[in-house]
C-alpha atoms as a PDB file:
ATOM      1  CA  MET A   1      95.777  82.443  84.408  1.00  0.00           C
ATOM      2  CA  THR A   2      98.408  82.927  86.876  1.00  0.00           C
ATOM      3  CA  TYR A   3     102.101  81.932  87.925  1.00  0.00           C
ATOM      4  CA  ASN A   4     103.046  79.077  89.526  1.00  0.00           C
ATOM      5  CA  PRO A   5     106.416  79.023  91.126  1.00  0.00           C
ATOM      6  CA  ASN A   6     106.526  75.694  92.696  1.00  0.00           C
ATOM      7  CA  ILE A   7     106.382  73.315  89.894  1.00  0.00           C
ATOM      8  CA  PRO A   8     107.637  71.058  89.329  1.00  0.00           C
ATOM      9  CA  GLN A   9     107.996  69.502  92.297  1.00  0.00           C
ATOM     10  CA  PRO A  10     110.956  66.864  93.091  1.00  0.00           C
ATOM     11  CA  GLY A  11     109.700  63.596  91.960  1.00  0.00           C
ATOM     12  CA  ASP A  12     106.825  64.983  89.315  1.00  0.00           C
ATOM     13  CA  ASP A  13     106.408  63.059  86.602  1.00  0.00           C
ATOM     14  CA  LEU A  14     105.980  64.841  83.431  1.00  0.00           C
ATOM     15  CA  SER A  15     102.903  63.230  83.081  1.00  0.00           C
ATOM     16  CA  VAL A  16     101.897  65.371  86.024  1.00  0.00           C
ATOM     17  CA  SER A  17     103.453  68.582  85.608  1.00  0.00           C
ATOM     18  CA  GLN A  18     103.663  68.953  81.928  1.00  0.00           C
ATOM     19  CA  GLY A  19     100.497  71.536  81.554  1.00  0.00           C
ATOM     20  CA  GLN A  20     101.575  73.490  84.823  1.00  0.00           C
ATOM     21  CA  ILE A  21     104.677  73.762  82.800  1.00  0.00           C
ATOM     22  CA  LEU A  22     103.201  74.589  79.801  1.00  0.00           C
ATOM     23  CA  GLN A  23     101.028  77.087  81.192  1.00  0.00           C
ATOM     24  CA  ASN A  24     103.792  79.181  83.061  1.00  0.00           C
ATOM     25  CA  PHE A  25     105.637  79.609  79.622  1.00  0.00           C
ATOM     26  CA  GLN A  26     102.148  81.029  78.597  1.00  0.00           C
ATOM     27  CA  VAL A  27     102.073  83.610  81.183  1.00  0.00           C
ATOM     28  CA  SER A  28     105.605  84.568  81.071  1.00  0.00           C
ATOM     29  CA  ASN A  29     104.885  84.927  77.572  1.00  0.00           C
ATOM     30  CA  SER A  30     102.021  87.027  78.421  1.00  0.00           C
ATOM     31  CA  SER A  31     103.612  88.872  81.161  1.00  0.00           C
ATOM     32  CA  PHE A  32     106.950  90.019  79.611  1.00  0.00           C
ATOM     33  CA  GLY A  33     104.704  91.233  76.422  1.00  0.00           C
ATOM     34  CA  VAL A  34     103.026  94.064  78.358  1.00  0.00           C
ATOM     35  CA  ASP A  35     105.513  97.028  77.249  1.00  0.00           C
ATOM     36  CA  HIS A  36     107.816  94.289  76.158  1.00  0.00           C
ATOM     37  CA  TYR A  37     107.546  92.788  72.907  1.00  0.00           C
ATOM     38  CA  SER A  38     107.147  89.307  74.024  1.00  0.00           C
ATOM     39  CA  PHE A  39     109.259  86.224  73.773  1.00  0.00           C
ATOM     40  CA  ALA A  40     107.348  84.924  70.945  1.00  0.00           C
ATOM     41  CA  ASP A  41     107.545  87.822  69.081  1.00  0.00           C
ATOM     42  CA  LEU A  42     109.115  87.094  65.320  1.00  0.00           C
ATOM     43  CA  THR A  43     109.769  90.667  64.485  1.00  0.00           C
ATOM     44  CA  GLY A  44     113.309  90.546  65.508  1.00  0.00           C
ATOM     45  CA  ASN A  45     112.430  92.987  68.315  1.00  0.00           C
ATOM     46  CA  THR A  46     112.437  90.615  71.502  1.00  0.00           C
ATOM     47  CA  GLY A  47     112.952  91.923  74.682  1.00  0.00           C
ATOM     48  CA  LYS A  48     112.908  95.572  73.535  1.00  0.00           C
ATOM     49  CA  HIS A  49     110.251  98.295  74.650  1.00  0.00           C
ATOM     50  CA  ASN A  50     107.343  98.674  73.076  1.00  0.00           C
ATOM     51  CA  GLN A  51     106.099 101.306  75.693  1.00  0.00           C
ATOM     52  CA  ILE A  52     106.710 102.455  79.348  1.00  0.00           C
ATOM     53  CA  THR A  53     103.927 102.144  81.792  1.00  0.00           C
ATOM     54  CA  THR A  54     104.754 103.596  85.151  1.00  0.00           C
ATOM     55  CA  PRO A  55     102.494 103.014  88.366  1.00  0.00           C
ATOM     56  CA  ILE A  56     102.766 105.719  91.010  1.00  0.00           C
ATOM     57  CA  TYR A  57     105.866 104.646  92.828  1.00  0.00           C
ATOM     58  CA  ILE A  58     105.665 103.293  96.207  1.00  0.00           C
ATOM     59  CA  ALA A  59     108.076 102.052  98.679  1.00  0.00           C
ATOM     60  CA  ASP A  60     108.457  98.848 100.260  1.00  0.00           C
ATOM     61  CA  PRO A  61     107.225  99.364 103.052  1.00  0.00           C
ATOM     62  CA  PRO A  62     105.165 102.706 101.850  1.00  0.00           C
ATOM     63  CA  THR A  63     106.917 106.147 102.640  1.00  0.00           C
ATOM     64  CA  GLY A  64     104.941 108.450 100.976  1.00  0.00           C
ATOM     65  CA  ASP A  65     108.648 109.378  99.003  1.00  0.00           C
ATOM     66  CA  PRO A  66     110.379 109.521  96.177  1.00  0.00           C
ATOM     67  CA  PRO A  67     112.814 105.990  95.374  1.00  0.00           C
ATOM     68  CA  ILE A  68     115.925 106.592  96.670  1.00  0.00           C
ATOM     69  CA  THR A  69     119.005 106.753  94.114  1.00  0.00           C
ATOM     70  CA  GLY A  70     122.390 105.520  94.721  1.00  0.00           C
ATOM     71  CA  ALA A  71     125.419 106.820  92.972  1.00  0.00           C
ATOM     72  CA  ASN A  72     125.875 106.658  89.309  1.00  0.00           C
ATOM     73  CA  GLU A  73     122.049 105.450  89.058  1.00  0.00           C
ATOM     74  CA  PRO A  74     119.748 107.496  88.573  1.00  0.00           C
ATOM     75  CA  LYS A  75     116.063 106.516  88.659  1.00  0.00           C
ATOM     76  CA  MET A  76     112.665 107.468  86.026  1.00  0.00           C
ATOM     77  CA  TYR A  77     109.439 106.704  87.479  1.00  0.00           C
ATOM     78  CA  ALA A  78     106.178 107.961  88.274  1.00  0.00           C
ATOM     79  CA  PHE A  79     104.783 110.150  91.467  1.00  0.00           C
ATOM     80  CA  ALA A  80     102.179 112.172  92.509  1.00  0.00           C
ATOM     81  CA  ASP A  81     103.263 115.180  95.051  1.00  0.00           C
ATOM     82  CA  SER A  82      99.726 116.606  95.129  1.00  0.00           C
ATOM     83  CA  THR A  83      96.005 114.788  94.074  1.00  0.00           C
ATOM     84  CA  ASN A  84      95.188 118.221  91.155  1.00  0.00           C
ATOM     85  CA  LEU A  85      98.638 117.461  89.996  1.00  0.00           C
ATOM     86  CA  GLY A  86      98.104 113.747  89.806  1.00  0.00           C
ATOM     87  CA  ALA A  87     100.969 111.417  88.341  1.00  0.00           C
ATOM     88  CA  LEU A  88     103.635 112.635  86.805  1.00  0.00           C
ATOM     89  CA  ASN A  89     107.169 110.753  84.993  1.00  0.00           C
ATOM     90  CA  TYR A  90     110.270 112.250  87.197  1.00  0.00           C
ATOM     91  CA  SER A  91     113.701 111.373  86.809  1.00  0.00           C
ATOM     92  CA  ARG A  92     116.163 111.818  89.672  1.00  0.00           C
ATOM     93  CA  GLY A  93     119.509 111.981  89.512  1.00  0.00           C
ATOM     94  CA  PRO A  94     122.186 109.907  91.646  1.00  0.00           C
ATOM     95  CA  SER A  95     122.708 110.253  95.319  1.00  0.00           C
ATOM     96  CA  ASN A  96     119.674 111.658  95.462  1.00  0.00           C
ATOM     97  CA  MET A  97     119.112 114.698  93.585  1.00  0.00           C
ATOM     98  CA  VAL A  98     116.057 116.864  93.392  1.00  0.00           C
ATOM     99  CA  PRO A  99     113.722 114.794  91.457  1.00  0.00           C
ATOM    100  CA  THR A 100     112.682 116.592  87.820  1.00  0.00           C
ATOM    101  CA  PRO A 101     109.344 116.435  86.545  1.00  0.00           C
ATOM    102  CA  LEU A 102     109.217 115.243  82.736  1.00  0.00           C
ATOM    103  CA  THR A 103     105.609 114.849  82.105  1.00  0.00           C
ATOM    104  CA  HIS A 104     103.934 118.516  80.793  1.00  0.00           C
ATOM    105  CA  PHE A 105     100.542 119.224  81.079  1.00  0.00           C
ATOM    106  CA  GLN A 106      98.923 119.945  78.047  1.00  0.00           C
ATOM    107  CA  SER A 107      94.845 121.436  77.327  1.00  0.00           C
ATOM    108  CA  PRO A 108      92.523 119.466  75.887  1.00  0.00           C
ATOM    109  CA  LEU A 109      92.751 118.147  72.091  1.00  0.00           C
ATOM    110  CA  LEU A 110      89.851 120.550  71.295  1.00  0.00           C
ATOM    111  CA  PRO A 111      90.291 124.231  71.302  1.00  0.00           C
ATOM    112  CA  ILE A 112      89.738 126.886  73.923  1.00  0.00           C
ATOM    113  CA  VAL A 113      87.428 129.943  73.351  1.00  0.00           C
ATOM    114  CA  LEU A 114      88.328 133.162  75.359  1.00  0.00           C
ATOM    115  CA  ALA A 115      85.960 135.939  74.944  1.00  0.00           C
ATOM    116  CA  PRO A 116      87.424 138.947  75.904  1.00  0.00           C
ATOM    117  CA  GLY A 117      87.688 139.455  79.416  1.00  0.00           C
ATOM    118  CA  ALA A 118      87.350 135.547  79.842  1.00  0.00           C
ATOM    119  CA  THR A 119      89.460 132.980  81.888  1.00  0.00           C
ATOM    120  CA  THR A 120      90.613 129.001  81.507  1.00  0.00           C
ATOM    121  CA  ASN A 121      92.293 127.418  84.327  1.00  0.00           C
ATOM    122  CA  VAL A 122      95.408 125.609  83.826  1.00  0.00           C
ATOM    123  CA  LEU A 123      96.085 123.721  87.429  1.00  0.00           C
ATOM    124  CA  ASP A 124      95.188 124.428  91.151  1.00  0.00           C
ATOM    125  CA  PHE A 125      98.575 124.415  92.943  1.00  0.00           C
ATOM    126  CA  THR A 126      96.978 123.601  96.554  1.00  0.00           C
ATOM    127  CA  GLY A 127      98.966 121.207  97.997  1.00  0.00           C
ATOM    128  CA  LEU A 128     102.713 121.984  96.504  1.00  0.00           C
ATOM    129  CA  THR A 129     104.571 124.343  98.207  1.00  0.00           C
ATOM    130  CA  TYR A 130     107.002 125.689  95.697  1.00  0.00           C
ATOM    131  CA  ALA A 131     106.639 125.442  92.045  1.00  0.00           C
ATOM    132  CA  LEU A 132     108.688 127.064  89.098  1.00  0.00           C
ATOM    133  CA  GLY A 133     108.036 126.416  85.418  1.00  0.00           C
ATOM    134  CA  ILE A 134     107.226 127.899  81.918  1.00  0.00           C
ATOM    135  CA  LEU A 135     103.522 128.486  80.547  1.00  0.00           C
ATOM    136  CA  TYR A 136     103.030 128.574  77.083  1.00  0.00           C
ATOM    137  CA  ALA A 137      99.760 129.497  75.106  1.00  0.00           C
ATOM    138  CA  VAL A 138      98.403 130.704  71.871  1.00  0.00           C
ATOM    139  CA  ASP A 139      95.429 131.030  69.468  1.00  0.00           C
ATOM    140  CA  THR A 140      96.829 128.740  66.748  1.00  0.00           C
ATOM    141  CA  ALA A 141      94.554 131.267  64.131  1.00  0.00           C
ATOM    142  CA  ASP A 142      96.005 133.819  65.680  1.00  0.00           C
ATOM    143  CA  LEU A 143      99.908 133.677  66.080  1.00  0.00           C
ATOM    144  CA  THR A 144     100.849 137.599  66.522  1.00  0.00           C
ATOM    145  CA  ASN A 145      98.098 138.793  69.053  1.00  0.00           C
ATOM    146  CA  SER A 146      97.914 135.332  71.212  1.00  0.00           C
ATOM    147  CA  ARG A 147     101.681 134.526  72.342  1.00  0.00           C
ATOM    148  CA  LEU A 148     102.188 133.691  75.717  1.00  0.00           C
ATOM    149  CA  ILE A 149     105.732 132.676  77.219  1.00  0.00           C
ATOM    150  CA  THR A 150     105.786 132.880  80.962  1.00  0.00           C
ATOM    151  CA  TYR A 151     107.523 132.185  83.570  1.00  0.00           C
ATOM    152  CA  PHE A 152     105.717 131.423  86.594  1.00  0.00           C
ATOM    153  CA  SER A 153     106.799 130.668  90.182  1.00  0.00           C
ATOM    154  CA  TRP A 154     104.707 129.652  93.076  1.00  0.00           C
ATOM    155  CA  SER A 155     105.147 129.903  97.020  1.00  0.00           C
ATOM    156  CA  THR A 156     102.891 128.999  99.273  1.00  0.00           C
ATOM    157  CA  PRO A 157     104.199 130.624 102.386  1.00  0.00           C
ATOM    158  CA  PHE A 158     102.892 133.719 100.319  1.00  0.00           C
ATOM    159  CA  LEU A 159     100.026 132.497  98.576  1.00  0.00           C
ATOM    160  CA  ALA A 160     101.417 133.843  95.611  1.00  0.00           C
ATOM    161  CA  PHE A 161     102.342 133.541  92.021  1.00  0.00           C
ATOM    162  CA  ARG A 162     105.501 135.572  90.377  1.00  0.00           C
ATOM    163  CA  PHE A 163     105.113 135.986  86.195  1.00  0.00           C
ATOM    164  CA  ASP A 164     107.716 137.212  84.206  1.00  0.00           C
ATOM    165  CA  SER A 165     107.177 137.077  80.352  1.00  0.00           C
ATOM    166  CA  LEU A 166     109.812 135.307  78.338  1.00  0.00           C
ATOM    167  CA  LEU A 167     108.517 137.258  74.807  1.00  0.00           C
ATOM    168  CA  GLY A 168     111.865 139.911  75.543  1.00  0.00           C
ATOM    169  CA  ASN A 169     110.623 143.043  73.310  1.00  0.00           C
ATOM    170  CA  SER A 170     107.934 141.452  70.917  1.00  0.00           C
ATOM    171  CA  PRO A 171     104.467 143.457  71.389  1.00  0.00           C
ATOM    172  CA  LEU A 172     102.199 142.903  73.887  1.00  0.00           C
ATOM    173  CA  THR A 173      99.693 140.018  73.113  1.00  0.00           C
ATOM    174  CA  SER A 174      96.566 139.503  74.352  1.00  0.00           C
ATOM    175  CA  LEU A 175      97.043 136.507  76.065  1.00  0.00           C
ATOM    176  CA  LEU A 176      98.498 136.757  79.849  1.00  0.00           C
ATOM    177  CA  ALA A 177      98.906 134.329  82.666  1.00  0.00           C
ATOM    178  CA  GLN A 178      96.907 135.561  86.277  1.00  0.00           C
ATOM    179  CA  ALA A 179      96.362 133.728  89.349  1.00  0.00           C
ATOM    180  CA  PHE A 180      92.933 133.233  90.804  1.00  0.00           C
ATOM    181  CA  GLY A 181      93.493 132.425  94.540  1.00  0.00           C
ATOM    182  CA  ASN A 182      95.990 128.938  94.029  1.00  0.00           C
ATOM    183  CA  ILE A 183      94.991 128.757  90.308  1.00  0.00           C
ATOM    184  CA  LEU A 184      97.061 129.576  87.491  1.00  0.00           C
ATOM    185  CA  GLN A 185      94.674 131.128  84.626  1.00  0.00           C
ATOM    186  CA  ILE A 186      95.313 132.103  81.180  1.00  0.00           C
ATOM    187  CA  LYS A 187      93.046 135.409  80.475  1.00  0.00           C
ATOM    188  CA  ASN A 188      92.230 137.258  77.273  1.00  0.00           C
ATOM    189  CA  VAL A 189      92.834 140.529  78.310  1.00  0.00           C
ATOM    190  CA  SER A 190      91.643 141.992  74.636  1.00  0.00           C
ATOM    191  CA  ALA A 191      88.620 144.216  74.660  1.00  0.00           C
ATOM    192  CA  ALA A 192      87.575 142.921  71.198  1.00  0.00           C
ATOM    193  CA  ASN A 193      89.320 139.837  69.980  1.00  0.00           C
ATOM    194  CA  THR A 194      87.877 136.253  70.765  1.00  0.00           C
ATOM    195  CA  PHE A 195      90.129 133.638  70.146  1.00  0.00           C
ATOM    196  CA  ASN A 196      88.434 130.520  69.147  1.00  0.00           C
ATOM    197  CA  ASN A 197      91.468 128.209  68.690  1.00  0.00           C
ATOM    198  CA  VAL A 198      93.672 128.540  72.179  1.00  0.00           C
ATOM    199  CA  ALA A 199      95.921 125.528  73.420  1.00  0.00           C
ATOM    200  CA  TRP A 200      98.590 125.569  76.337  1.00  0.00           C
ATOM    201  CA  ALA A 201     101.288 123.867  77.452  1.00  0.00           C
ATOM    202  CA  LEU A 202     102.443 123.687  81.121  1.00  0.00           C
ATOM    203  CA  GLN A 203     105.940 122.835  81.787  1.00  0.00           C
ATOM    204  CA  PHE A 204     107.537 122.029  85.214  1.00  0.00           C
ATOM    205  CA  ASP A 205     110.941 122.580  85.926  1.00  0.00           C
ATOM    206  CA  ARG A 206     111.172 121.672  89.607  1.00  0.00           C
ATOM    207  CA  ILE A 207     107.790 121.054  92.646  1.00  0.00           C
ATOM    208  CA  TRP A 208     108.471 120.841  96.115  1.00  0.00           C
ATOM    209  CA  THR A 209     106.084 119.423  98.380  1.00  0.00           C
END
């Protein structure tokens, strides 16, 4: 069923347009019910969001740029700054401030196994000019030897990552961030320990394309 904005027409008898009007009410209830509690909801939540789905923002006409923001009007939206990055949620402050990435990357639900000397890829930064953020990683069964909290920066002009550990005076651990070309990786630098329960999270603070 689709919504028909052209009914009722002047001169329509109710017997003619009743079915069309009923269909419009049904379509409106179903359409509004996507991400919202529907008009017909009886729980008292009518009109409230149940979730928020954000398809990639496309200007009309298309520009390839994020949405424009006016004074005192920040916006939240989805955008893809590179093919490898894919769609992330962003917040853009008033008056076209630099957009802030909101979505964090996470490792798969199943734990990652890293034998001594082994690596796992986090993200290929191809397509991004600059990026700033923090990489977290840990083996959930060995919190002492596997902690990783590293600030990273990526720069295309220098074709390089920069890493700075945020663990302070904590003992050195066996998981380290490293670069493999444009790819951010985690490496097990231990000579003997296999980590069987590794998980990581990648937090972006700023992205340039």
